[in-house]
PDB file of N, CA and C in Angstrom:
ATOM      1  N   UNK A   1     265.349 407.602 127.505  1.00  0.00           N
ATOM      2  CA  UNK A   1     264.661 407.959 126.283  1.00  0.00           C
ATOM      3  C   UNK A   1     264.390 406.727 125.418  1.00  0.00           C
ATOM      4  N   UNK A   2     265.384 405.821 125.356  1.00  0.00           N
ATOM      5  CA  UNK A   2     265.220 404.623 124.547  1.00  0.00           C
ATOM      6  C   UNK A   2     264.102 403.750 125.089  1.00  0.00           C
ATOM      7  N   UNK A   3     263.976 403.685 126.405  1.00  0.00           N
ATOM      8  CA  UNK A   3     262.912 402.872 126.993  1.00  0.00           C
ATOM      9  C   UNK A   3     261.539 403.388 126.550  1.00  0.00           C
ATOM     10  N   UNK A   4     261.382 404.685 126.458  1.00  0.00           N
ATOM     11  CA  UNK A   4     260.116 405.263 126.015  1.00  0.00           C
ATOM     12  C   UNK A   4     259.790 404.856 124.592  1.00  0.00           C
ATOM     13  N   UNK A   5     260.809 404.853 123.721  1.00  0.00           N
ATOM     14  CA  UNK A   5     260.610 404.444 122.336  1.00  0.00           C
ATOM     15  C   UNK A   5     260.277 402.962 122.260  1.00  0.00           C
ATOM     16  N   UNK A   6     260.971 402.122 123.018  1.00  0.00           N
ATOM     17  CA  UNK A   6     260.689 400.692 123.042  1.00  0.00           C
ATOM     18  C   UNK A   6     259.265 400.429 123.506  1.00  0.00           C
ATOM     19  N   UNK A   7     258.837 401.170 124.502  1.00  0.00           N
ATOM     20  CA  UNK A   7     257.480 401.009 125.029  1.00  0.00           C
ATOM     21  C   UNK A   7     256.452 401.381 123.965  1.00  0.00           C
ATOM     22  N   UNK A   8     256.700 402.450 123.222  1.00  0.00           N
ATOM     23  CA  UNK A   8     255.775 402.878 122.170  1.00  0.00           C
ATOM     24  C   UNK A   8     255.714 401.838 121.042  1.00  0.00           C
ATOM     25  N   UNK A   9     256.869 401.294 120.699  1.00  0.00           N
ATOM     26  CA  UNK A   9     256.897 400.255 119.663  1.00  0.00           C
ATOM     27  C   UNK A   9     256.137 399.025 120.137  1.00  0.00           C
ATOM     28  N   UNK A  10     256.350 398.616 121.374  1.00  0.00           N
ATOM     29  CA  UNK A  10     255.645 397.472 121.936  1.00  0.00           C
ATOM     30  C   UNK A  10     254.133 397.698 121.918  1.00  0.00           C
ATOM     31  N   UNK A  11     253.708 398.871 122.322  1.00  0.00           N
ATOM     32  CA  UNK A  11     252.276 399.195 122.342  1.00  0.00           C
ATOM     33  C   UNK A  11     251.711 399.174 120.925  1.00  0.00           C
ATOM     34  N   UNK A  12     252.454 399.725 119.968  1.00  0.00           N
ATOM     35  CA  UNK A  12     251.987 399.734 118.581  1.00  0.00           C
ATOM     36  C   UNK A  12     251.865 398.309 118.039  1.00  0.00           C
ATOM     37  N   UNK A  13     252.850 397.456 118.324  1.00  0.00           N
ATOM     38  CA  UNK A  13     252.784 396.064 117.865  1.00  0.00           C
ATOM     39  C   UNK A  13     251.645 395.303 118.526  1.00  0.00           C
ATOM     40  N   UNK A  14     251.443 395.549 119.806  1.00  0.00           N
ATOM     41  CA  UNK A  14     250.338 394.892 120.516  1.00  0.00           C
ATOM     42  C   UNK A  14     249.001 395.325 119.936  1.00  0.00           C
ATOM     43  N   UNK A  15     248.859 396.604 119.640  1.00  0.00           N
ATOM     44  CA  UNK A  15     247.611 397.105 119.061  1.00  0.00           C
ATOM     45  C   UNK A  15     247.376 396.505 117.676  1.00  0.00           C
ATOM     46  N   UNK A  16     248.438 396.406 116.878  1.00  0.00           N
ATOM     47  CA  UNK A  16     248.307 395.815 115.542  1.00  0.00           C
ATOM     48  C   UNK A  16     247.926 394.342 115.631  1.00  0.00           C
ATOM     49  N   UNK A  17     248.512 393.625 116.571  1.00  0.00           N
ATOM     50  CA  UNK A  17     248.188 392.214 116.766  1.00  0.00           C
ATOM     51  C   UNK A  17     246.731 392.050 117.181  1.00  0.00           C
ATOM     52  N   UNK A  18     246.287 392.881 118.090  1.00  0.00           N
ATOM     53  CA  UNK A  18     244.885 392.805 118.530  1.00  0.00           C
ATOM     54  C   UNK A  18     243.926 393.140 117.392  1.00  0.00           C
ATOM     55  N   UNK A  19     244.272 394.130 116.576  1.00  0.00           N
ATOM     56  CA  UNK A  19     243.426 394.480 115.434  1.00  0.00           C
ATOM     57  C   UNK A  19     243.357 393.319 114.446  1.00  0.00           C
ATOM     58  N   UNK A  20     244.495 392.683 114.185  1.00  0.00           N
ATOM     59  CA  UNK A  20     244.514 391.534 113.275  1.00  0.00           C
ATOM     60  C   UNK A  20     243.688 390.382 113.843  1.00  0.00           C
ATOM     61  N   UNK A  21     243.827 390.143 115.132  1.00  0.00           N
ATOM     62  CA  UNK A  21     243.060 389.065 115.775  1.00  0.00           C
ATOM     63  C   UNK A  21     241.564 389.341 115.688  1.00  0.00           C
ATOM     64  N   UNK A  22     241.172 390.570 115.946  1.00  0.00           N
ATOM     65  CA  UNK A  22     239.751 390.927 115.870  1.00  0.00           C
ATOM     66  C   UNK A  22     239.237 390.728 114.452  1.00  0.00           C
ATOM     67  N   UNK A  23     240.030 391.130 113.467  1.00  0.00           N
ATOM     68  CA  UNK A  23     239.616 390.974 112.077  1.00  0.00           C
ATOM     69  C   UNK A  23     239.414 389.499 111.733  1.00  0.00           C
ATOM     70  N   UNK A  24     240.371 388.662 112.120  1.00  0.00           N
ATOM     71  CA  UNK A  24     240.287 387.236 111.815  1.00  0.00           C
ATOM     72  C   UNK A  24     239.090 386.595 112.515  1.00  0.00           C
ATOM     73  N   UNK A  25     238.889 386.926 113.779  1.00  0.00           N
ATOM     74  CA  UNK A  25     237.792 386.322 114.528  1.00  0.00           C
ATOM     75  C   UNK A  25     236.432 386.805 114.043  1.00  0.00           C
ATOM     76  N   UNK A  26     236.365 388.019 113.519  1.00  0.00           N
ATOM     77  CA  UNK A  26     235.102 388.555 113.006  1.00  0.00           C
ATOM     78  C   UNK A  26     234.834 388.136 111.567  1.00  0.00           C
ATOM     79  N   UNK A  27     235.833 387.575 110.913  1.00  0.00           N
ATOM     80  CA  UNK A  27     235.701 387.103 109.540  1.00  0.00           C
ATOM     81  C   UNK A  27     236.163 385.649 109.471  1.00  0.00           C
ATOM     82  N   UNK A  28     235.386 384.728 110.040  1.00  0.00           N
ATOM     83  CA  UNK A  28     235.852 383.352 110.215  1.00  0.00           C
ATOM     84  C   UNK A  28     236.101 382.584 108.927  1.00  0.00           C
ATOM     85  N   UNK A  29     235.534 382.989 107.824  1.00  0.00           N
ATOM     86  CA  UNK A  29     235.733 382.253 106.585  1.00  0.00           C
ATOM     87  C   UNK A  29     237.059 382.525 105.915  1.00  0.00           C
ATOM     88  N   UNK A  30     237.792 383.528 106.387  1.00  0.00           N
ATOM     89  CA  UNK A  30     239.024 383.918 105.727  1.00  0.00           C
ATOM     90  C   UNK A  30     240.179 383.009 106.106  1.00  0.00           C
ATOM     91  N   UNK A  31     240.324 382.734 107.378  1.00  0.00           N
ATOM     92  CA  UNK A  31     241.394 381.879 107.856  1.00  0.00           C
ATOM     93  C   UNK A  31     240.784 380.648 108.503  1.00  0.00           C
ATOM     94  N   UNK A  32     241.582 379.604 108.560  1.00  0.00           N
ATOM     95  CA  UNK A  32     241.101 378.396 109.197  1.00  0.00           C
ATOM     96  C   UNK A  32     241.954 378.094 110.414  1.00  0.00           C
ATOM     97  N   UNK A  33     241.476 377.213 111.231  1.00  0.00           N
ATOM     98  CA  UNK A  33     242.207 376.872 112.445  1.00  0.00           C
ATOM     99  C   UNK A  33     243.591 376.338 112.133  1.00  0.00           C
ATOM    100  N   UNK A  34     243.733 375.598 111.066  1.00  0.00           N
ATOM    101  CA  UNK A  34     245.042 375.081 110.701  1.00  0.00           C
ATOM    102  C   UNK A  34     246.033 376.172 110.363  1.00  0.00           C
ATOM    103  N   UNK A  35     245.532 377.370 109.984  1.00  0.00           N
ATOM    104  CA  UNK A  35     246.426 378.470 109.634  1.00  0.00           C
ATOM    105  C   UNK A  35     247.162 379.025 110.835  1.00  0.00           C
ATOM    106  N   UNK A  36     246.554 378.993 112.004  1.00  0.00           N
ATOM    107  CA  UNK A  36     247.214 379.620 113.140  1.00  0.00           C
ATOM    108  C   UNK A  36     247.397 378.728 114.355  1.00  0.00           C
ATOM    109  N   UNK A  37     247.134 377.462 114.238  1.00  0.00           N
ATOM    110  CA  UNK A  37     247.436 376.532 115.314  1.00  0.00           C
ATOM    111  C   UNK A  37     248.885 376.105 115.174  1.00  0.00           C
ATOM    112  N   UNK A  38     249.643 375.936 116.165  1.00  0.00           N
ATOM    113  CA  UNK A  38     249.416 376.178 117.585  1.00  0.00           C
ATOM    114  C   UNK A  38     250.139 377.435 118.077  1.00  0.00           C
ATOM    115  N   UNK A  39     250.568 378.301 117.167  1.00  0.00           N
ATOM    116  CA  UNK A  39     251.484 379.367 117.523  1.00  0.00           C
ATOM    117  C   UNK A  39     250.822 380.691 117.888  1.00  0.00           C
ATOM    118  N   UNK A  40     249.564 380.719 118.205  1.00  0.00           N
ATOM    119  CA  UNK A  40     248.923 381.992 118.444  1.00  0.00           C
ATOM    120  C   UNK A  40     247.752 381.843 119.406  1.00  0.00           C
ATOM    121  N   UNK A  41     247.444 382.947 120.070  1.00  0.00           N
ATOM    122  CA  UNK A  41     246.264 382.933 120.930  1.00  0.00           C
ATOM    123  C   UNK A  41     245.001 382.844 120.095  1.00  0.00           C
ATOM    124  N   UNK A  42     245.091 383.064 118.790  1.00  0.00           N
ATOM    125  CA  UNK A  42     243.928 382.924 117.916  1.00  0.00           C
ATOM    126  C   UNK A  42     243.434 381.479 117.910  1.00  0.00           C
ATOM    127  N   UNK A  43     244.292 380.572 118.343  1.00  0.00           N
ATOM    128  CA  UNK A  43     243.931 379.164 118.481  1.00  0.00           C
ATOM    129  C   UNK A  43     242.690 379.004 119.351  1.00  0.00           C
ATOM    130  N   UNK A  44     242.438 379.931 120.255  1.00  0.00           N
ATOM    131  CA  UNK A  44     241.268 379.846 121.128  1.00  0.00           C
ATOM    132  C   UNK A  44     239.974 379.801 120.321  1.00  0.00           C
ATOM    133  N   UNK A  45     239.976 380.387 119.141  1.00  0.00           N
ATOM    134  CA  UNK A  45     238.803 380.338 118.277  1.00  0.00           C
ATOM    135  C   UNK A  45     238.579 378.972 117.661  1.00  0.00           C
ATOM    136  N   UNK A  46     239.515 378.061 117.865  1.00  0.00           N
ATOM    137  CA  UNK A  46     239.452 376.737 117.261  1.00  0.00           C
ATOM    138  C   UNK A  46     239.107 375.645 118.260  1.00  0.00           C
ATOM    139  N   UNK A  47     238.735 376.015 119.448  1.00  0.00           N
ATOM    140  CA  UNK A  47     238.513 375.000 120.474  1.00  0.00           C
ATOM    141  C   UNK A  47     237.420 374.016 120.104  1.00  0.00           C
ATOM    142  N   UNK A  48     236.389 374.466 119.376  1.00  0.00           N
ATOM    143  CA  UNK A  48     235.338 373.534 118.955  1.00  0.00           C
ATOM    144  C   UNK A  48     235.911 372.463 118.036  1.00  0.00           C
ATOM    145  N   UNK A  49     236.731 372.881 117.074  1.00  0.00           N
ATOM    146  CA  UNK A  49     237.329 371.912 116.167  1.00  0.00           C
ATOM    147  C   UNK A  49     238.289 370.993 116.914  1.00  0.00           C
ATOM    148  N   UNK A  50     239.049 371.550 117.825  1.00  0.00           N
ATOM    149  CA  UNK A  50     240.000 370.731 118.578  1.00  0.00           C
ATOM    150  C   UNK A  50     239.267 369.682 119.401  1.00  0.00           C
ATOM    151  N   UNK A  51     238.115 370.050 119.950  1.00  0.00           N
ATOM    152  CA  UNK A  51     237.336 369.103 120.741  1.00  0.00           C
ATOM    153  C   UNK A  51     236.857 367.941 119.865  1.00  0.00           C
ATOM    154  N   UNK A  52     236.537 368.227 118.606  1.00  0.00           N
ATOM    155  CA  UNK A  52     236.057 367.188 117.699  1.00  0.00           C
ATOM    156  C   UNK A  52     237.139 366.171 117.365  1.00  0.00           C
ATOM    157  N   UNK A  53     238.407 366.568 117.446  1.00  0.00           N
ATOM    158  CA  UNK A  53     239.497 365.652 117.105  1.00  0.00           C
ATOM    159  C   UNK A  53     240.412 365.371 118.294  1.00  0.00           C
ATOM    160  N   UNK A  54     240.041 365.816 119.463  1.00  0.00           N
ATOM    161  CA  UNK A  54     240.890 365.720 120.641  1.00  0.00           C
ATOM    162  C   UNK A  54     241.317 364.320 121.017  1.00  0.00           C
ATOM    163  N   UNK A  55     240.529 363.327 120.723  1.00  0.00           N
ATOM    164  CA  UNK A  55     240.875 361.963 121.104  1.00  0.00           C
ATOM    165  C   UNK A  55     241.659 361.211 120.054  1.00  0.00           C
ATOM    166  N   UNK A  56     242.065 361.884 118.990  1.00  0.00           N
ATOM    167  CA  UNK A  56     242.777 361.201 117.911  1.00  0.00           C
ATOM    168  C   UNK A  56     244.182 360.805 118.355  1.00  0.00           C
ATOM    169  N   UNK A  57     244.647 359.647 117.901  1.00  0.00           N
ATOM    170  CA  UNK A  57     245.993 359.196 118.273  1.00  0.00           C
ATOM    171  C   UNK A  57     247.076 360.082 117.655  1.00  0.00           C
ATOM    172  N   UNK A  58     248.290 359.931 118.129  1.00  0.00           N
ATOM    173  CA  UNK A  58     249.376 360.785 117.647  1.00  0.00           C
ATOM    174  C   UNK A  58     250.118 360.202 116.448  1.00  0.00           C
ATOM    175  N   UNK A  59     250.009 358.882 116.219  1.00  0.00           N
ATOM    176  CA  UNK A  59     250.706 358.326 115.053  1.00  0.00           C
ATOM    177  C   UNK A  59     250.002 358.798 113.782  1.00  0.00           C
ATOM    178  N   UNK A  60     250.777 358.969 112.714  1.00  0.00           N
ATOM    179  CA  UNK A  60     250.265 359.618 111.507  1.00  0.00           C
ATOM    180  C   UNK A  60     249.046 358.929 110.909  1.00  0.00           C
ATOM    181  N   UNK A  61     249.096 357.612 110.703  1.00  0.00           N
ATOM    182  CA  UNK A  61     247.965 356.926 110.078  1.00  0.00           C
ATOM    183  C   UNK A  61     246.738 356.920 110.982  1.00  0.00           C
ATOM    184  N   UNK A  62     246.943 356.660 112.264  1.00  0.00           N
ATOM    185  CA  UNK A  62     245.819 356.672 113.198  1.00  0.00           C
ATOM    186  C   UNK A  62     245.172 358.049 113.285  1.00  0.00           C
ATOM    187  N   UNK A  63     245.997 359.087 113.317  1.00  0.00           N
ATOM    188  CA  UNK A  63     245.485 360.462 113.375  1.00  0.00           C
ATOM    189  C   UNK A  63     244.721 360.792 112.095  1.00  0.00           C
ATOM    190  N   UNK A  64     245.284 360.387 110.953  1.00  0.00           N
ATOM    191  CA  UNK A  64     244.624 360.627 109.670  1.00  0.00           C
ATOM    192  C   UNK A  64     243.246 359.985 109.644  1.00  0.00           C
ATOM    193  N   UNK A  65     243.180 358.690 109.956  1.00  0.00           N
ATOM    194  CA  UNK A  65     241.900 357.967 109.941  1.00  0.00           C
ATOM    195  C   UNK A  65     240.903 358.598 110.905  1.00  0.00           C
ATOM    196  N   UNK A  66     241.370 358.972 112.078  1.00  0.00           N
ATOM    197  CA  UNK A  66     240.510 359.560 113.100  1.00  0.00           C
ATOM    198  C   UNK A  66     239.963 360.915 112.643  1.00  0.00           C
ATOM    199  N   UNK A  67     240.812 361.725 112.037  1.00  0.00           N
ATOM    200  CA  UNK A  67     240.363 363.058 111.602  1.00  0.00           C
ATOM    201  C   UNK A  67     239.398 362.941 110.432  1.00  0.00           C
ATOM    202  N   UNK A  68     239.637 362.023 109.505  1.00  0.00           N
ATOM    203  CA  UNK A  68     238.679 361.813 108.410  1.00  0.00           C
ATOM    204  C   UNK A  68     237.323 361.400 108.984  1.00  0.00           C
ATOM    205  N   UNK A  69     237.337 360.474 109.932  1.00  0.00           N
ATOM    206  CA  UNK A  69     236.087 360.024 110.564  1.00  0.00           C
ATOM    207  C   UNK A  69     235.391 361.189 111.284  1.00  0.00           C
ATOM    208  N   UNK A  70     236.157 362.009 111.996  1.00  0.00           N
ATOM    209  CA  UNK A  70     235.571 363.157 112.694  1.00  0.00           C
ATOM    210  C   UNK A  70     235.010 364.171 111.705  1.00  0.00           C
ATOM    211  N   UNK A  71     235.709 364.381 110.596  1.00  0.00           N
ATOM    212  CA  UNK A  71     235.221 365.306 109.571  1.00  0.00           C
ATOM    213  C   UNK A  71     233.883 364.833 109.014  1.00  0.00           C
ATOM    214  N   UNK A  72     233.785 363.528 108.734  1.00  0.00           N
ATOM    215  CA  UNK A  72     232.527 362.970 108.220  1.00  0.00           C
ATOM    216  C   UNK A  72     231.420 363.046 109.268  1.00  0.00           C
ATOM    217  N   UNK A  73     231.744 362.679 110.489  1.00  0.00           N
ATOM    218  CA  UNK A  73     230.750 362.674 111.562  1.00  0.00           C
ATOM    219  C   UNK A  73     230.203 364.079 111.831  1.00  0.00           C
ATOM    220  N   UNK A  74     231.082 365.073 111.786  1.00  0.00           N
ATOM    221  CA  UNK A  74     230.684 366.449 112.098  1.00  0.00           C
ATOM    222  C   UNK A  74     230.368 367.277 110.857  1.00  0.00           C
ATOM    223  N   UNK A  75     230.430 366.626 109.685  1.00  0.00           N
ATOM    224  CA  UNK A  75     230.211 367.319 108.408  1.00  0.00           C
ATOM    225  C   UNK A  75     231.045 368.599 108.343  1.00  0.00           C
ATOM    226  N   UNK A  76     232.320 368.444 108.685  1.00  0.00           N
ATOM    227  CA  UNK A  76     233.243 369.570 108.726  1.00  0.00           C
ATOM    228  C   UNK A  76     234.554 369.180 108.049  1.00  0.00           C
ATOM    229  N   UNK A  77     234.640 369.380 106.720  1.00  0.00           N
ATOM    230  CA  UNK A  77     235.851 368.983 106.006  1.00  0.00           C
ATOM    231  C   UNK A  77     237.082 369.781 106.428  1.00  0.00           C
ATOM    232  N   UNK A  78     236.878 370.903 107.067  1.00  0.00           N
ATOM    233  CA  UNK A  78     238.002 371.747 107.461  1.00  0.00           C
ATOM    234  C   UNK A  78     238.791 371.156 108.623  1.00  0.00           C
ATOM    235  N   UNK A  79     238.275 370.093 109.236  1.00  0.00           N
ATOM    236  CA  UNK A  79     239.062 369.385 110.244  1.00  0.00           C
ATOM    237  C   UNK A  79     240.307 368.771 109.616  1.00  0.00           C
ATOM    238  N   UNK A  80     240.267 368.525 108.315  1.00  0.00           N
ATOM    239  CA  UNK A  80     241.430 367.950 107.625  1.00  0.00           C
ATOM    240  C   UNK A  80     242.660 368.837 107.770  1.00  0.00           C
ATOM    241  N   UNK A  81     242.476 370.113 107.980  1.00  0.00           N
ATOM    242  CA  UNK A  81     243.611 371.018 108.111  1.00  0.00           C
ATOM    243  C   UNK A  81     244.447 370.696 109.345  1.00  0.00           C
ATOM    244  N   UNK A  82     243.883 369.982 110.306  1.00  0.00           N
ATOM    245  CA  UNK A  82     244.616 369.609 111.511  1.00  0.00           C
ATOM    246  C   UNK A  82     245.617 368.503 111.228  1.00  0.00           C
ATOM    247  N   UNK A  83     245.521 367.843 110.094  1.00  0.00           N
ATOM    248  CA  UNK A  83     246.443 366.771 109.740  1.00  0.00           C
ATOM    249  C   UNK A  83     247.796 367.349 109.358  1.00  0.00           C
ATOM    250  N   UNK A  84     247.777 368.485 108.692  1.00  0.00           N
ATOM    251  CA  UNK A  84     249.007 369.091 108.188  1.00  0.00           C
ATOM    252  C   UNK A  84     248.953 369.179 106.677  1.00  0.00           C
ATOM    253  N   UNK A  85     249.772 370.041 106.146  1.00  0.00           N
ATOM    254  CA  UNK A  85     249.723 370.360 104.722  1.00  0.00           C
ATOM    255  C   UNK A  85     249.931 369.132 103.825  1.00  0.00           C
ATOM    256  N   UNK A  86     250.796 368.236 104.216  1.00  0.00           N
ATOM    257  CA  UNK A  86     251.124 367.093 103.363  1.00  0.00           C
ATOM    258  C   UNK A  86     249.922 366.179 103.124  1.00  0.00           C
ATOM    259  N   UNK A  87     249.067 366.012 104.116  1.00  0.00           N
ATOM    260  CA  UNK A  87     247.936 365.082 103.999  1.00  0.00           C
ATOM    261  C   UNK A  87     246.583 365.779 103.886  1.00  0.00           C
ATOM    262  N   UNK A  88     246.562 367.098 103.917  1.00  0.00           N
ATOM    263  CA  UNK A  88     245.303 367.838 103.872  1.00  0.00           C
ATOM    264  C   UNK A  88     244.515 367.518 102.609  1.00  0.00           C
ATOM    265  N   UNK A  89     245.164 367.519 101.444  1.00  0.00           N
ATOM    266  CA  UNK A  89     244.464 367.244 100.188  1.00  0.00           C
ATOM    267  C   UNK A  89     243.878 365.841 100.163  1.00  0.00           C
ATOM    268  N   UNK A  90     244.659 364.874 100.620  1.00  0.00           N
ATOM    269  CA  UNK A  90     244.174 363.489 100.635  1.00  0.00           C
ATOM    270  C   UNK A  90     242.977 363.349 101.565  1.00  0.00           C
ATOM    271  N   UNK A  91     243.042 363.984 102.709  1.00  0.00           N
ATOM    272  CA  UNK A  91     241.936 363.939 103.664  1.00  0.00           C
ATOM    273  C   UNK A  91     240.692 364.590 103.071  1.00  0.00           C
ATOM    274  N   UNK A  92     240.875 365.758 102.451  1.00  0.00           N
ATOM    275  CA  UNK A  92     239.745 366.446 101.817  1.00  0.00           C
ATOM    276  C   UNK A  92     239.098 365.593 100.749  1.00  0.00           C
ATOM    277  N   UNK A  93     239.924 364.939  99.933  1.00  0.00           N
ATOM    278  CA  UNK A  93     239.392 364.071  98.884  1.00  0.00           C
ATOM    279  C   UNK A  93     238.641 362.895  99.483  1.00  0.00           C
ATOM    280  N   UNK A  94     239.219 362.264 100.481  1.00  0.00           N
ATOM    281  CA  UNK A  94     238.539 361.131 101.118  1.00  0.00           C
ATOM    282  C   UNK A  94     237.224 361.588 101.747  1.00  0.00           C
ATOM    283  N   UNK A  95     237.235 362.784 102.332  1.00  0.00           N
ATOM    284  CA  UNK A  95     236.016 363.330 102.943  1.00  0.00           C
ATOM    285  C   UNK A  95     234.901 363.455 101.910  1.00  0.00           C
ATOM    286  N   UNK A  96     235.179 364.155 100.797  1.00  0.00           N
ATOM    287  CA  UNK A  96     234.080 364.383  99.866  1.00  0.00           C
ATOM    288  C   UNK A  96     233.661 363.129  99.123  1.00  0.00           C
ATOM    289  N   UNK A  97     234.580 362.196  98.922  1.00  0.00           N
ATOM    290  CA  UNK A  97     234.191 360.950  98.271  1.00  0.00           C
ATOM    291  C   UNK A  97     233.319 360.092  99.184  1.00  0.00           C
ATOM    292  N   UNK A  98     233.646 360.032 100.452  1.00  0.00           N
ATOM    293  CA  UNK A  98     232.861 359.228 101.393  1.00  0.00           C
ATOM    294  C   UNK A  98     231.552 359.904 101.783  1.00  0.00           C
ATOM    295  N   UNK A  99     231.496 361.217 101.696  1.00  0.00           N
ATOM    296  CA  UNK A  99     230.282 361.945 102.089  1.00  0.00           C
ATOM    297  C   UNK A  99     229.113 361.581 101.181  1.00  0.00           C
ATOM    298  N   UNK A 100     229.392 361.343  99.893  1.00  0.00           N
ATOM    299  CA  UNK A 100     228.336 360.939  98.970  1.00  0.00           C
ATOM    300  C   UNK A 100     227.316 362.019  98.687  1.00  0.00           C
ATOM    301  N   UNK A 101     227.678 363.272  98.876  1.00  0.00           N
ATOM    302  CA  UNK A 101     226.736 364.376  98.716  1.00  0.00           C
ATOM    303  C   UNK A 101     227.464 365.571  98.102  1.00  0.00           C
ATOM    304  N   UNK A 102     227.084 365.968  96.886  1.00  0.00           N
ATOM    305  CA  UNK A 102     227.788 367.073  96.232  1.00  0.00           C
ATOM    306  C   UNK A 102     227.696 368.407  96.979  1.00  0.00           C
ATOM    307  N   UNK A 103     226.734 368.550  97.855  1.00  0.00           N
ATOM    308  CA  UNK A 103     226.610 369.823  98.579  1.00  0.00           C
ATOM    309  C   UNK A 103     227.775 370.043  99.547  1.00  0.00           C
ATOM    310  N   UNK A 104     228.510 368.966  99.891  1.00  0.00           N
ATOM    311  CA  UNK A 104     229.650 369.139 100.796  1.00  0.00           C
ATOM    312  C   UNK A 104     230.746 369.970 100.153  1.00  0.00           C
ATOM    313  N   UNK A 105     230.782 370.017  98.839  1.00  0.00           N
ATOM    314  CA  UNK A 105     231.826 370.785  98.151  1.00  0.00           C
ATOM    315  C   UNK A 105     231.821 372.245  98.582  1.00  0.00           C
ATOM    316  N   UNK A 106     230.663 372.768  98.868  1.00  0.00           N
ATOM    317  CA  UNK A 106     230.558 374.185  99.222  1.00  0.00           C
ATOM    318  C   UNK A 106     231.090 374.473 100.620  1.00  0.00           C
ATOM    319  N   UNK A 107     231.293 373.443 101.424  1.00  0.00           N
ATOM    320  CA  UNK A 107     231.798 373.660 102.779  1.00  0.00           C
ATOM    321  C   UNK A 107     233.311 373.498 102.878  1.00  0.00           C
ATOM    322  N   UNK A 108     233.950 373.124 101.774  1.00  0.00           N
ATOM    323  CA  UNK A 108     235.397 372.934 101.751  1.00  0.00           C
ATOM    324  C   UNK A 108     236.070 374.286 101.527  1.00  0.00           C
ATOM    325  N   UNK A 109     236.962 374.674 102.445  1.00  0.00           N
ATOM    326  CA  UNK A 109     237.620 375.985 102.332  1.00  0.00           C
ATOM    327  C   UNK A 109     238.707 376.044 101.269  1.00  0.00           C
ATOM    328  N   UNK A 110     239.650 375.109 101.217  1.00  0.00           N
ATOM    329  CA  UNK A 110     240.697 375.236 100.198  1.00  0.00           C
ATOM    330  C   UNK A 110     240.098 375.162  98.792  1.00  0.00           C
ATOM    331  N   UNK A 111     240.336 376.178  97.998  1.00  0.00           N
ATOM    332  CA  UNK A 111     239.707 376.299  96.682  1.00  0.00           C
ATOM    333  C   UNK A 111     240.035 375.113  95.784  1.00  0.00           C
ATOM    334  N   UNK A 112     241.272 374.663  95.796  1.00  0.00           N
ATOM    335  CA  UNK A 112     241.651 373.542  94.938  1.00  0.00           C
ATOM    336  C   UNK A 112     240.888 372.271  95.274  1.00  0.00           C
ATOM    337  N   UNK A 113     240.748 371.986  96.551  1.00  0.00           N
ATOM    338  CA  UNK A 113     240.000 370.797  96.974  1.00  0.00           C
ATOM    339  C   UNK A 113     238.521 370.971  96.640  1.00  0.00           C
ATOM    340  N   UNK A 114     237.991 372.184  96.818  1.00  0.00           N
ATOM    341  CA  UNK A 114     236.587 372.453  96.487  1.00  0.00           C
ATOM    342  C   UNK A 114     236.330 372.204  95.003  1.00  0.00           C
ATOM    343  N   UNK A 115     237.238 372.684  94.140  1.00  0.00           N
ATOM    344  CA  UNK A 115     237.076 372.478  92.693  1.00  0.00           C
ATOM    345  C   UNK A 115     237.172 370.993  92.336  1.00  0.00           C
ATOM    346  N   UNK A 116     238.100 370.277  92.972  1.00  0.00           N
ATOM    347  CA  UNK A 116     238.214 368.836  92.733  1.00  0.00           C
ATOM    348  C   UNK A 116     236.942 368.115  93.161  1.00  0.00           C
ATOM    349  N   UNK A 117     236.356 368.548  94.246  1.00  0.00           N
ATOM    350  CA  UNK A 117     235.110 367.967  94.748  1.00  0.00           C
ATOM    351  C   UNK A 117     233.993 368.169  93.720  1.00  0.00           C
ATOM    352  N   UNK A 118     233.872 369.388  93.225  1.00  0.00           N
ATOM    353  CA  UNK A 118     232.836 369.679  92.227  1.00  0.00           C
ATOM    354  C   UNK A 118     233.038 368.834  90.968  1.00  0.00           C
ATOM    355  N   UNK A 119     234.283 368.713  90.545  1.00  0.00           N
ATOM    356  CA  UNK A 119     234.588 367.901  89.350  1.00  0.00           C
ATOM    357  C   UNK A 119     234.256 366.430  89.613  1.00  0.00           C
ATOM    358  N   UNK A 120     234.564 365.930  90.792  1.00  0.00           N
ATOM    359  CA  UNK A 120     234.286 364.551  91.162  1.00  0.00           C
ATOM    360  C   UNK A 120     232.786 364.263  91.052  1.00  0.00           C
ATOM    361  N   UNK A 121     231.955 365.122  91.619  1.00  0.00           N
ATOM    362  CA  UNK A 121     230.512 364.893  91.576  1.00  0.00           C
ATOM    363  C   UNK A 121     229.924 365.170  90.195  1.00  0.00           C
ATOM    364  N   UNK A 122     230.554 366.063  89.448  1.00  0.00           N
ATOM    365  CA  UNK A 122     230.109 366.318  88.074  1.00  0.00           C
ATOM    366  C   UNK A 122     230.292 365.080  87.227  1.00  0.00           C
ATOM    367  N   UNK A 123     231.439 364.420  87.363  1.00  0.00           N
ATOM    368  CA  UNK A 123     231.706 363.194  86.620  1.00  0.00           C
ATOM    369  C   UNK A 123     230.782 362.056  87.035  1.00  0.00           C
ATOM    370  N   UNK A 124     230.457 362.005  88.320  1.00  0.00           N
ATOM    371  CA  UNK A 124     229.574 360.936  88.826  1.00  0.00           C
ATOM    372  C   UNK A 124     228.146 361.089  88.350  1.00  0.00           C
ATOM    373  N   UNK A 125     227.724 362.332  88.088  1.00  0.00           N
ATOM    374  CA  UNK A 125     226.336 362.565  87.675  1.00  0.00           C
ATOM    375  C   UNK A 125     226.141 362.309  86.173  1.00  0.00           C
ATOM    376  N   UNK A 126     227.241 362.201  85.435  1.00  0.00           N
ATOM    377  CA  UNK A 126     227.138 361.976  83.972  1.00  0.00           C
ATOM    378  C   UNK A 126     227.064 360.516  83.632  1.00  0.00           C
TER     379      UNK A 126
END
């Protein structure tokens, strides 16, 4: 009898996981690749971003420089999320400052970095 209950719980959890995965994949602006890498099969939705930074070195400074360069080259500030939480803000700031284009602010997912970007270009235009 217990095995039947365990099986039902497993099926319910699997169904909930699949529903959550479908929701995330169908609503790409809600979560970013950095949110679920590397602990989930949802990482498969991030293969394009991973390919853009795949050749980056493993040491912290080299990886940081490489990801900033890849973000600029691909006009994708969200690659900064692959650096990790500690350096994400710095990478985002370096991205929008080097981009030289206020329209990049709208492509930045983290709200705080987006607001800082808008403020940066607002000050530059005055």
